Amino acid sequence: MNAPRFIQAGLLIGALTFAGACMALDAPQERPILQVTGKIAEKNAGDSARFDMKMIEALPQHSFTTSTPWFDKPVKFTGPLLADVLAAVKASGSTVSAVAINDYKISIPLNDTSKYKVIVARLMDDKPMPVREKGPLFVVYPFDSAAELRTSTYYERSIWQLKALDIR
């Protein structure tokens, strides 16, 4: 037996409302390690979005191994794509201003996030990165994937000890 159309419509609206609520950015339950501000639609702390490590871990994880100027052998990096972090906050704009714990800042063109598989690494060689070892978060480009990435422009955009992103 089929349910009346108004009941079907009510169930559909309820399901869509529930799905939308599940996609909302929850507040961090632990100490926040990343704050995103600027042109974002999804917020969980006033005018910003804050992430704790569990929230970063909950995003789809990607890994690649690449040579870098900071290590004497190729290193495996694991974490969410920067594009996925930006999608979680519904970012819009053209530039990401990335800020490190020591207040070093660098601008990353937003189109880099779709052109390259830039990740916000939380693991290096499958281990969490303490602050003294460039952690806890490190924006990394897959340098070995394209010759154009092995330049000072992209090395400078790979910011370690990441604490904030401002979308402009």
Foldseek 3Di string as FASTA:
>chain_A
DDDDPVVVVVVVVVVVVVVVVVLAQEAEPDDFQEKEAAQFDGDHPVRIHTDDVVRFVPADKDKDWADAPVDPHTKIFMTQQPVRVCVSRRGDAFWKWWAAPVGDTDIDTPVCSVVFRWGFGCDINNHGADVVRQDNTWTATRCVVDVVCPDPNNNSVTHGNTRYIYHD
